């Protein structure tokens, strides 16, 4: 485990220290999981969300969900928000991930100015 100091969302405590798990996936494994997410159904996505909620370090499920939401992010605002939340989660929990270098890991200011500002502040 690695201790990472991050900004807190509360005004009372400007920073919080928490434990994170170092990235254990290679760049190819990350890419494969992202691509799998493009082929999953909404039902599978819901199951992956439930699995990720139970395990805060479940990067595998989140990578699949990231592509799933990315592929639908131009259709509905809730998919765009879900994609944004996953990208920000990746930045906060696995900054060494190669995800930010992929289109699925981008938050574009033209499509999501709020998400872009939030991610940029990290």
Protein backbone atom coordinates (compact mmCIF):
# COMPACT_ATOMS: atom_id res chain seq x y z
CA UNK A 1 0.00 0.00 0.00
CA UNK A 2 1.02 3.57 -0.68
CA UNK A 3 -0.16 6.59 1.26
CA UNK A 4 -1.49 9.29 -1.00
CA UNK A 5 -2.45 12.76 0.13
CA UNK A 6 -5.38 14.15 -1.78
CA UNK A 7 -7.70 17.11 -1.56
CA UNK A 8 -10.76 16.56 0.51
CA UNK A 9 -14.19 17.60 -0.64
CA UNK A 10 -14.90 19.13 2.75
CA UNK A 11 -13.92 22.61 3.84
CA UNK A 12 -13.04 21.49 7.37
CA UNK A 13 -10.11 19.32 6.30
CA UNK A 14 -8.15 20.58 3.30
CA UNK A 15 -6.26 17.30 2.82
CA UNK A 16 -6.81 13.71 3.73
CA UNK A 17 -4.33 10.85 3.81
CA UNK A 18 -5.58 7.51 2.59
CA UNK A 19 -4.18 4.20 1.48
CA UNK A 20 -4.17 3.28 -2.19
CA UNK A 21 -3.03 0.16 -3.98
CA UNK A 22 -0.31 0.60 -6.62
CA UNK A 23 -1.32 -0.22 -10.21
CA UNK A 24 -0.88 -3.94 -10.83
CA UNK A 25 -1.99 -4.00 -14.47
CA UNK A 26 0.29 -3.53 -17.46
CA UNK A 27 -0.58 -0.96 -20.12
CA UNK A 28 -1.75 -3.79 -22.42
CA UNK A 29 -3.98 -5.27 -19.71
CA UNK A 30 -5.49 -1.83 -19.08
CA UNK A 31 -6.12 -1.38 -22.80
CA UNK A 32 -7.73 -4.83 -23.10
CA UNK A 33 -10.10 -4.08 -20.22
CA UNK A 34 -11.02 -0.74 -21.76
CA UNK A 35 -11.82 -2.43 -25.06
CA UNK A 36 -13.93 -5.12 -23.34
CA UNK A 37 -16.06 -2.32 -21.93
CA UNK A 38 -17.11 -1.38 -25.45
CA UNK A 39 -18.81 -4.74 -25.83
CA UNK A 40 -20.78 -5.00 -22.61
CA UNK A 41 -24.52 -4.57 -22.14
CA UNK A 42 -26.23 -2.17 -19.76
CA UNK A 43 -27.05 -5.12 -17.49
CA UNK A 44 -23.39 -6.11 -17.37
CA UNK A 45 -22.45 -2.49 -16.67
CA UNK A 46 -24.85 -2.42 -13.71
CA UNK A 47 -23.31 -5.64 -12.37
CA UNK A 48 -19.80 -4.16 -12.75
CA UNK A 49 -20.93 -1.01 -10.91
CA UNK A 50 -22.21 -3.11 -8.02
CA UNK A 51 -18.96 -5.10 -7.95
CA UNK A 52 -16.86 -1.91 -7.97
CA UNK A 53 -18.97 -0.41 -5.18
CA UNK A 54 -18.12 -3.41 -2.99
CA UNK A 55 -14.38 -3.15 -3.65
CA UNK A 56 -12.79 0.32 -3.70
CA UNK A 57 -9.67 -1.05 -5.43
CA UNK A 58 -11.53 -2.82 -8.26
CA UNK A 59 -9.74 -1.19 -11.16
CA UNK A 60 -10.68 -3.94 -13.59
CA UNK A 61 -14.42 -3.28 -13.36
CA UNK A 62 -13.87 0.46 -13.53
CA UNK A 63 -11.76 0.21 -16.69
CA UNK A 64 -14.50 -1.75 -18.43
CA UNK A 65 -17.10 0.74 -17.25
CA UNK A 66 -14.97 3.63 -18.44
CA UNK A 67 -15.16 2.53 -22.09
CA UNK A 68 -18.84 1.62 -21.74
CA UNK A 69 -19.66 5.13 -20.51
CA UNK A 70 -17.26 6.81 -22.93
CA UNK A 71 -18.97 5.12 -25.88
CA UNK A 72 -22.31 6.57 -24.74
CA UNK A 73 -21.12 9.89 -23.29
CA UNK A 74 -22.22 11.94 -26.28
CA UNK A 75 -25.74 10.49 -26.10
CA UNK A 76 -26.87 11.27 -22.56
CA UNK A 77 -25.56 13.56 -19.81
CA UNK A 78 -25.73 10.78 -17.20
CA UNK A 79 -23.27 8.69 -19.23
CA UNK A 80 -20.97 11.70 -19.59
CA UNK A 81 -21.08 12.25 -15.81
CA UNK A 82 -20.41 8.56 -15.14
CA UNK A 83 -17.42 8.66 -17.50
CA UNK A 84 -16.16 11.85 -15.85
CA UNK A 85 -16.49 10.35 -12.37
CA UNK A 86 -14.49 7.28 -13.42
CA UNK A 87 -11.74 9.38 -15.03
CA UNK A 88 -11.44 11.49 -11.90
CA UNK A 89 -11.42 8.34 -9.76
CA UNK A 90 -8.56 7.02 -11.90
CA UNK A 91 -6.62 10.28 -11.55
CA UNK A 92 -7.07 10.21 -7.78
CA UNK A 93 -6.48 6.52 -7.15
CA UNK A 94 -4.21 5.35 -9.97
CA UNK A 95 -2.37 8.38 -11.34
CA UNK A 96 0.21 6.07 -12.91
CA UNK A 97 -2.47 4.45 -15.09
CA UNK A 98 -2.14 4.80 -18.84
CA UNK A 99 -5.85 5.60 -19.06
CA UNK A 100 -5.33 9.35 -19.26
CA UNK A 101 -3.48 8.81 -22.53
CA UNK A 102 -6.49 7.14 -24.13
CA UNK A 103 -9.52 8.97 -25.52
CA UNK A 104 -11.67 7.21 -22.89
CA UNK A 105 -9.66 8.99 -20.21
CA UNK A 106 -10.13 12.47 -21.62
CA UNK A 107 -12.59 15.02 -20.33
CA UNK A 108 -13.10 17.58 -23.05
CA UNK A 109 -14.00 21.13 -22.00
CA UNK A 110 -16.36 21.56 -24.97
CA UNK A 111 -18.49 18.57 -23.88
CA UNK A 112 -18.04 18.69 -20.10
CA UNK A 113 -16.74 22.06 -18.87
CA UNK A 114 -17.59 21.26 -15.24
CA UNK A 115 -15.79 17.90 -15.37
CA UNK A 116 -12.82 19.41 -17.15
CA UNK A 117 -12.44 22.10 -14.49
CA UNK A 118 -12.76 19.53 -11.71
CA UNK A 119 -10.19 17.18 -13.26
CA UNK A 120 -7.78 20.00 -14.03
CA UNK A 121 -7.84 21.08 -10.39
CA UNK A 122 -6.49 17.69 -9.27
